[in-house]
């Protein structure tokens, strides 16, 4: 269970593959998170108005590259953590994603317990940063 104080953490899951998005959204919900799913980059950008606490972002989207979405999120001044979830296994892809503004990178297929721990860590750090300035 994700530990939190106050409101339930909101996660925006951006993935166009229902075989990944639906079970992951259910697992995150079971962990006590409020989950919204976007299947395109355009939907993801529109969902920023809901001020998610964390974004899980696939790199391959039908309308744009996830890296471009990550860059747009950062250029717009949004500071919420972004975790890239990608089938790309090349180390350079990880470096490029982090350089684009992502906070973490997990490769598909992933182990759910590891992904959940990374999500908890990102939410914890974001809460600390928000509490201190």
N, C-alpha and C. Protein backbone atom coordinates (compact mmCIF):
# COMPACT_ATOMS: atom_id res chain seq x y z
N UNK A 1 0.85 -1.18 0.00
CA UNK A 1 0.00 0.00 0.00
C UNK A 1 0.89 1.24 0.00
N UNK A 2 0.54 2.22 -0.81
CA UNK A 2 1.28 3.47 -0.88
C UNK A 2 0.92 4.31 0.34
N UNK A 3 1.96 4.74 1.08
CA UNK A 3 1.72 5.58 2.24
C UNK A 3 1.61 7.02 1.77
N UNK A 4 0.64 7.74 2.33
CA UNK A 4 0.47 9.13 1.96
C UNK A 4 -0.26 9.87 3.07
N UNK A 5 -0.08 11.16 3.08
CA UNK A 5 -0.78 12.01 4.03
C UNK A 5 -1.69 12.91 3.21
N UNK A 6 -2.93 13.02 3.61
CA UNK A 6 -3.85 13.89 2.90
C UNK A 6 -4.54 13.17 1.75
N UNK A 7 -4.64 13.85 0.63
CA UNK A 7 -5.38 13.35 -0.52
C UNK A 7 -4.74 12.11 -1.11
N UNK A 8 -5.54 11.33 -1.78
CA UNK A 8 -5.07 10.13 -2.47
C UNK A 8 -4.20 10.57 -3.65
N UNK A 9 -2.98 10.02 -3.78
CA UNK A 9 -2.12 10.40 -4.91
C UNK A 9 -2.79 10.06 -6.25
N UNK A 10 -2.68 10.99 -7.17
CA UNK A 10 -3.26 10.83 -8.51
C UNK A 10 -2.16 10.46 -9.50
N UNK A 11 -2.38 9.39 -10.24
CA UNK A 11 -1.43 8.93 -11.23
C UNK A 11 -2.06 9.01 -12.60
N UNK A 12 -1.33 9.58 -13.54
CA UNK A 12 -1.75 9.59 -14.94
C UNK A 12 -0.92 8.53 -15.65
N UNK A 13 -1.58 7.50 -16.14
CA UNK A 13 -0.94 6.41 -16.88
C UNK A 13 -1.16 6.65 -18.36
N UNK A 14 -0.07 6.84 -19.10
CA UNK A 14 -0.16 7.14 -20.53
C UNK A 14 0.39 5.95 -21.30
N UNK A 15 -0.51 5.14 -21.83
CA UNK A 15 -0.11 3.95 -22.59
C UNK A 15 -1.28 3.57 -23.49
N UNK A 16 -1.00 3.34 -24.76
CA UNK A 16 -2.07 3.03 -25.71
C UNK A 16 -2.38 1.55 -25.80
N UNK A 17 -1.63 0.71 -25.09
CA UNK A 17 -1.83 -0.73 -25.15
C UNK A 17 -2.72 -1.17 -23.99
N UNK A 18 -3.97 -1.54 -24.27
CA UNK A 18 -4.87 -1.95 -23.19
C UNK A 18 -4.35 -3.16 -22.41
N UNK A 19 -3.57 -4.01 -23.05
CA UNK A 19 -3.02 -5.19 -22.37
C UNK A 19 -2.03 -4.79 -21.28
N UNK A 20 -1.47 -3.59 -21.36
CA UNK A 20 -0.58 -3.07 -20.33
C UNK A 20 -1.35 -2.12 -19.41
N UNK A 21 -2.08 -1.20 -20.01
CA UNK A 21 -2.72 -0.12 -19.24
C UNK A 21 -3.79 -0.63 -18.28
N UNK A 22 -4.65 -1.53 -18.72
CA UNK A 22 -5.76 -1.96 -17.87
C UNK A 22 -5.29 -2.72 -16.63
N UNK A 23 -4.44 -3.75 -16.77
CA UNK A 23 -4.00 -4.45 -15.55
C UNK A 23 -3.14 -3.57 -14.64
N UNK A 24 -2.33 -2.69 -15.24
CA UNK A 24 -1.50 -1.81 -14.43
C UNK A 24 -2.37 -0.81 -13.67
N UNK A 25 -3.37 -0.26 -14.32
CA UNK A 25 -4.28 0.67 -13.65
C UNK A 25 -4.98 -0.02 -12.49
N UNK A 26 -5.41 -1.26 -12.68
CA UNK A 26 -6.05 -2.01 -11.59
C UNK A 26 -5.08 -2.23 -10.43
N UNK A 27 -3.84 -2.59 -10.74
CA UNK A 27 -2.85 -2.82 -9.69
C UNK A 27 -2.55 -1.55 -8.91
N UNK A 28 -2.45 -0.43 -9.62
CA UNK A 28 -2.19 0.85 -8.94
C UNK A 28 -3.37 1.24 -8.06
N UNK A 29 -4.57 0.99 -8.56
CA UNK A 29 -5.77 1.28 -7.77
C UNK A 29 -5.78 0.45 -6.49
N UNK A 30 -5.42 -0.84 -6.61
CA UNK A 30 -5.35 -1.70 -5.42
C UNK A 30 -4.34 -1.19 -4.41
N UNK A 31 -3.33 -0.44 -4.89
CA UNK A 31 -2.31 0.12 -4.00
C UNK A 31 -2.76 1.44 -3.37
N UNK A 32 -3.98 1.84 -3.66
CA UNK A 32 -4.52 3.04 -3.04
C UNK A 32 -4.31 4.31 -3.84
N UNK A 33 -4.01 4.17 -5.12
CA UNK A 33 -3.79 5.33 -5.98
C UNK A 33 -5.03 5.60 -6.83
N UNK A 34 -5.25 6.86 -7.15
CA UNK A 34 -6.31 7.24 -8.08
C UNK A 34 -5.66 7.28 -9.46
N UNK A 35 -6.16 6.51 -10.40
CA UNK A 35 -5.51 6.35 -11.70
C UNK A 35 -6.41 6.84 -12.82
N UNK A 36 -5.82 7.67 -13.70
CA UNK A 36 -6.45 8.07 -14.96
C UNK A 36 -5.60 7.50 -16.07
N UNK A 37 -6.23 7.06 -17.14
CA UNK A 37 -5.50 6.49 -18.26
C UNK A 37 -5.70 7.34 -19.50
N UNK A 38 -4.60 7.63 -20.18
CA UNK A 38 -4.62 8.34 -21.46
C UNK A 38 -3.95 7.44 -22.49
N UNK A 39 -4.55 7.36 -23.67
CA UNK A 39 -4.00 6.48 -24.71
C UNK A 39 -3.19 7.20 -25.77
N UNK A 40 -3.16 8.53 -25.71
CA UNK A 40 -2.40 9.31 -26.69
C UNK A 40 -1.66 10.44 -25.98
N UNK A 41 -0.72 11.02 -26.69
CA UNK A 41 -0.01 12.16 -26.15
C UNK A 41 -0.93 13.35 -25.96
N UNK A 42 -1.85 13.55 -26.90
CA UNK A 42 -2.80 14.67 -26.79
C UNK A 42 -3.67 14.51 -25.54
N UNK A 43 -4.15 13.30 -25.28
CA UNK A 43 -4.96 13.06 -24.08
C UNK A 43 -4.12 13.30 -22.82
N UNK A 44 -2.86 12.91 -22.87
CA UNK A 44 -1.98 13.11 -21.72
C UNK A 44 -1.83 14.59 -21.42
N UNK A 45 -1.59 15.39 -22.44
CA UNK A 45 -1.40 16.83 -22.23
C UNK A 45 -2.69 17.47 -21.71
N UNK A 46 -3.85 17.03 -22.22
CA UNK A 46 -5.13 17.54 -21.72
C UNK A 46 -5.32 17.16 -20.25
N UNK A 47 -4.86 15.99 -19.87
CA UNK A 47 -5.04 15.49 -18.50
C UNK A 47 -4.16 16.22 -17.49
N UNK A 48 -3.22 17.01 -17.94
CA UNK A 48 -2.38 17.76 -17.02
C UNK A 48 -3.19 18.78 -16.22
N UNK A 49 -4.34 19.19 -16.76
CA UNK A 49 -5.22 20.12 -16.04
C UNK A 49 -5.72 19.51 -14.73
N UNK A 50 -5.73 18.17 -14.65
CA UNK A 50 -6.16 17.48 -13.44
C UNK A 50 -5.06 17.41 -12.38
N UNK A 51 -3.88 17.93 -12.72
CA UNK A 51 -2.73 18.01 -11.81
C UNK A 51 -2.37 16.67 -11.16
N UNK A 52 -1.98 15.69 -11.98
CA UNK A 52 -1.58 14.41 -11.40
C UNK A 52 -0.32 14.58 -10.54
N UNK A 53 -0.18 13.68 -9.58
CA UNK A 53 1.01 13.69 -8.71
C UNK A 53 2.17 12.94 -9.33
N UNK A 54 1.87 12.08 -10.31
CA UNK A 54 2.88 11.27 -10.98
C UNK A 54 2.36 10.90 -12.36
N UNK A 55 3.27 10.86 -13.33
CA UNK A 55 2.92 10.42 -14.68
C UNK A 55 3.76 9.21 -15.02
N UNK A 56 3.09 8.15 -15.48
CA UNK A 56 3.76 6.97 -16.02
C UNK A 56 3.56 7.06 -17.52
N UNK A 57 4.65 7.15 -18.25
CA UNK A 57 4.59 7.53 -19.67
C UNK A 57 5.27 6.51 -20.57
N UNK A 58 4.49 5.92 -21.47
CA UNK A 58 5.03 5.04 -22.49
C UNK A 58 5.69 5.91 -23.56
N UNK A 59 6.75 5.40 -24.17
CA UNK A 59 7.43 6.19 -25.21
C UNK A 59 6.76 6.07 -26.57
N UNK A 60 6.16 4.94 -26.85
CA UNK A 60 5.53 4.74 -28.16
C UNK A 60 4.04 4.99 -28.05
N UNK A 61 3.64 6.14 -28.54
CA UNK A 61 2.23 6.51 -28.54
C UNK A 61 1.78 6.68 -29.98
N UNK A 62 0.50 6.49 -30.26
CA UNK A 62 0.05 6.53 -31.65
C UNK A 62 0.18 7.90 -32.32
N UNK A 63 0.14 8.98 -31.54
CA UNK A 63 0.15 10.30 -32.15
C UNK A 63 1.46 11.07 -31.98
N UNK A 64 2.33 10.62 -31.10
CA UNK A 64 3.57 11.34 -30.87
C UNK A 64 4.54 10.46 -30.09
N UNK A 65 5.73 10.94 -29.93
CA UNK A 65 6.74 10.24 -29.15
C UNK A 65 6.62 10.65 -27.69
N UNK A 66 6.69 9.69 -26.80
CA UNK A 66 6.60 9.98 -25.38
C UNK A 66 7.66 10.95 -24.89
N UNK A 67 8.84 10.92 -25.51
CA UNK A 67 9.89 11.87 -25.13
C UNK A 67 9.46 13.30 -25.40
N UNK A 68 8.76 13.51 -26.51
CA UNK A 68 8.25 14.85 -26.82
C UNK A 68 7.23 15.29 -25.77
N UNK A 69 6.39 14.36 -25.33
CA UNK A 69 5.41 14.68 -24.29
C UNK A 69 6.13 15.06 -23.00
N UNK A 70 7.16 14.30 -22.65
CA UNK A 70 7.93 14.60 -21.44
C UNK A 70 8.56 15.99 -21.53
N UNK A 71 9.13 16.31 -22.66
CA UNK A 71 9.74 17.64 -22.85
C UNK A 71 8.69 18.74 -22.73
N UNK A 72 7.50 18.52 -23.32
CA UNK A 72 6.43 19.52 -23.24
C UNK A 72 5.96 19.72 -21.80
N UNK A 73 5.90 18.62 -21.05
CA UNK A 73 5.50 18.71 -19.64
C UNK A 73 6.49 19.59 -18.89
N UNK A 74 7.76 19.37 -19.10
CA UNK A 74 8.79 20.15 -18.40
C UNK A 74 8.84 21.60 -18.87
N UNK A 75 8.70 21.82 -20.19
CA UNK A 75 8.70 23.20 -20.71
C UNK A 75 7.54 24.00 -20.15
N UNK A 76 6.42 23.32 -19.88
CA UNK A 76 5.25 24.00 -19.33
C UNK A 76 5.41 24.28 -17.84
N UNK A 77 6.51 23.83 -17.25
CA UNK A 77 6.79 24.11 -15.85
C UNK A 77 6.24 23.11 -14.86
N UNK A 78 5.69 22.00 -15.33
CA UNK A 78 5.17 20.97 -14.43
C UNK A 78 6.32 20.23 -13.77
N UNK A 79 6.21 20.03 -12.46
CA UNK A 79 7.30 19.42 -11.70
C UNK A 79 6.99 18.02 -11.19
N UNK A 80 5.80 17.48 -11.48
CA UNK A 80 5.47 16.16 -10.99
C UNK A 80 6.44 15.13 -11.58
N UNK A 81 6.72 14.05 -10.83
CA UNK A 81 7.62 13.03 -11.35
C UNK A 81 7.05 12.37 -12.60
N UNK A 82 7.95 12.04 -13.52
CA UNK A 82 7.59 11.31 -14.73
C UNK A 82 8.42 10.03 -14.75
N UNK A 83 7.72 8.90 -14.81
CA UNK A 83 8.37 7.60 -14.91
C UNK A 83 8.11 7.08 -16.31
N UNK A 84 9.16 6.85 -17.06
CA UNK A 84 9.01 6.30 -18.41
C UNK A 84 8.91 4.79 -18.31
N UNK A 85 7.93 4.26 -19.00
CA UNK A 85 7.71 2.82 -19.08
C UNK A 85 7.85 2.47 -20.55
N UNK A 86 8.91 1.72 -20.89
CA UNK A 86 9.21 1.55 -22.30
C UNK A 86 9.72 0.16 -22.63
N UNK A 87 9.44 -0.27 -23.84
CA UNK A 87 9.99 -1.52 -24.35
C UNK A 87 11.43 -1.34 -24.84
N UNK A 88 11.88 -0.10 -24.90
CA UNK A 88 13.25 0.18 -25.32
C UNK A 88 14.21 -0.34 -24.26
N UNK A 89 15.15 -1.18 -24.66
CA UNK A 89 16.08 -1.76 -23.69
C UNK A 89 17.48 -1.19 -23.82
N UNK A 90 17.73 -0.38 -24.81
CA UNK A 90 19.05 0.22 -25.00
C UNK A 90 19.31 1.24 -23.89
N UNK A 91 20.49 1.18 -23.29
CA UNK A 91 20.85 2.12 -22.21
C UNK A 91 20.77 3.57 -22.68
N UNK A 92 21.05 3.79 -23.95
CA UNK A 92 21.00 5.16 -24.48
C UNK A 92 19.58 5.70 -24.43
N UNK A 93 18.58 4.83 -24.61
CA UNK A 93 17.19 5.26 -24.50
C UNK A 93 16.88 5.75 -23.09
N UNK A 94 17.45 5.08 -22.10
CA UNK A 94 17.27 5.51 -20.71
C UNK A 94 17.89 6.88 -20.50
N UNK A 95 19.10 7.06 -21.02
CA UNK A 95 19.80 8.33 -20.87
C UNK A 95 19.02 9.45 -21.55
N UNK A 96 18.54 9.21 -22.75
CA UNK A 96 17.78 10.22 -23.49
C UNK A 96 16.49 10.57 -22.74
N UNK A 97 15.82 9.56 -22.19
CA UNK A 97 14.60 9.81 -21.43
C UNK A 97 14.85 10.65 -20.19
N UNK A 98 15.89 10.33 -19.46
CA UNK A 98 16.22 11.12 -18.27
C UNK A 98 16.62 12.53 -18.65
N UNK A 99 17.33 12.66 -19.74
CA UNK A 99 17.74 13.98 -20.22
C UNK A 99 16.54 14.81 -20.68
N UNK A 100 15.49 14.14 -21.13
CA UNK A 100 14.27 14.84 -21.58
C UNK A 100 13.43 15.33 -20.40
N UNK A 101 13.80 14.92 -19.18
CA UNK A 101 13.08 15.40 -18.01
C UNK A 101 12.43 14.32 -17.18
N UNK A 102 12.56 13.06 -17.59
CA UNK A 102 11.98 11.97 -16.79
C UNK A 102 12.78 11.79 -15.50
N UNK A 103 12.12 11.25 -14.50
CA UNK A 103 12.75 11.00 -13.21
C UNK A 103 13.20 9.56 -13.05
N UNK A 104 12.63 8.66 -13.83
CA UNK A 104 12.99 7.25 -13.75
C UNK A 104 12.58 6.58 -15.05
N UNK A 105 13.11 5.37 -15.25
CA UNK A 105 12.85 4.62 -16.48
C UNK A 105 12.75 3.15 -16.11
N UNK A 106 11.66 2.51 -16.51
CA UNK A 106 11.45 1.08 -16.28
C UNK A 106 11.19 0.44 -17.62
N UNK A 107 11.85 -0.68 -17.85
CA UNK A 107 11.75 -1.38 -19.13
C UNK A 107 10.65 -2.44 -19.08
N UNK A 108 9.86 -2.50 -20.16
CA UNK A 108 8.86 -3.56 -20.32
C UNK A 108 9.57 -4.79 -20.87
N UNK A 109 9.19 -5.98 -20.51
CA UNK A 109 8.23 -6.28 -19.45
C UNK A 109 8.85 -5.96 -18.10
N UNK A 110 8.03 -5.56 -17.17
CA UNK A 110 8.52 -5.14 -15.86
C UNK A 110 7.97 -6.07 -14.78
N UNK A 111 8.63 -6.04 -13.65
CA UNK A 111 8.14 -6.76 -12.48
C UNK A 111 7.30 -5.78 -11.67
N UNK A 112 6.04 -6.12 -11.44
CA UNK A 112 5.13 -5.21 -10.75
C UNK A 112 5.66 -4.76 -9.39
N UNK A 113 6.21 -5.65 -8.55
CA UNK A 113 6.71 -5.18 -7.24
C UNK A 113 7.80 -4.10 -7.39
N UNK A 114 8.68 -4.26 -8.36
CA UNK A 114 9.73 -3.24 -8.57
C UNK A 114 9.12 -1.93 -9.04
N UNK A 115 8.18 -1.99 -9.96
CA UNK A 115 7.53 -0.78 -10.44
C UNK A 115 6.81 -0.06 -9.30
N UNK A 116 6.12 -0.81 -8.45
CA UNK A 116 5.40 -0.21 -7.33
C UNK A 116 6.35 0.48 -6.36
N UNK A 117 7.50 -0.13 -6.10
CA UNK A 117 8.48 0.48 -5.20
C UNK A 117 9.02 1.77 -5.80
N UNK A 118 9.28 1.77 -7.09
CA UNK A 118 9.77 2.98 -7.75
C UNK A 118 8.71 4.09 -7.71
N UNK A 119 7.46 3.73 -7.92
CA UNK A 119 6.37 4.70 -7.85
C UNK A 119 6.29 5.29 -6.45
N UNK A 120 6.34 4.44 -5.44
CA UNK A 120 6.30 4.92 -4.05
C UNK A 120 7.45 5.88 -3.78
N UNK A 121 8.64 5.54 -4.26
CA UNK A 121 9.80 6.40 -4.03
C UNK A 121 9.62 7.75 -4.71
N UNK A 122 9.13 7.76 -5.93
CA UNK A 122 8.92 9.02 -6.64
C UNK A 122 7.86 9.88 -5.94
N UNK A 123 6.78 9.26 -5.51
CA UNK A 123 5.74 10.01 -4.81
C UNK A 123 6.26 10.55 -3.48
N UNK A 124 7.06 9.76 -2.79
CA UNK A 124 7.63 10.20 -1.51
C UNK A 124 8.55 11.40 -1.72
N UNK A 125 9.42 11.32 -2.72
CA UNK A 125 10.33 12.44 -3.01
C UNK A 125 9.56 13.68 -3.42
N UNK A 126 8.52 13.51 -4.21
CA UNK A 126 7.71 14.66 -4.65
C UNK A 126 7.04 15.31 -3.44
N UNK A 127 6.55 14.48 -2.51
CA UNK A 127 5.91 15.03 -1.31
C UNK A 127 6.93 15.79 -0.46
N UNK A 128 8.12 15.24 -0.33
CA UNK A 128 9.17 15.93 0.43
C UNK A 128 9.52 17.25 -0.22
N UNK A 129 9.66 17.25 -1.53
CA UNK A 129 10.02 18.47 -2.24
C UNK A 129 8.92 19.52 -2.09
N UNK A 130 7.68 19.08 -2.16
CA UNK A 130 6.56 20.00 -2.00
C UNK A 130 6.48 20.56 -0.59
N UNK A 131 6.87 19.75 0.38
CA UNK A 131 6.79 20.18 1.77
C UNK A 131 7.93 21.13 2.13
N UNK A 132 9.04 21.06 1.40
CA UNK A 132 10.19 21.88 1.74
C UNK A 132 10.38 23.05 0.80
N UNK A 133 9.60 23.12 -0.24
CA UNK A 133 9.74 24.28 -1.09
C UNK A 133 9.62 23.97 -2.49
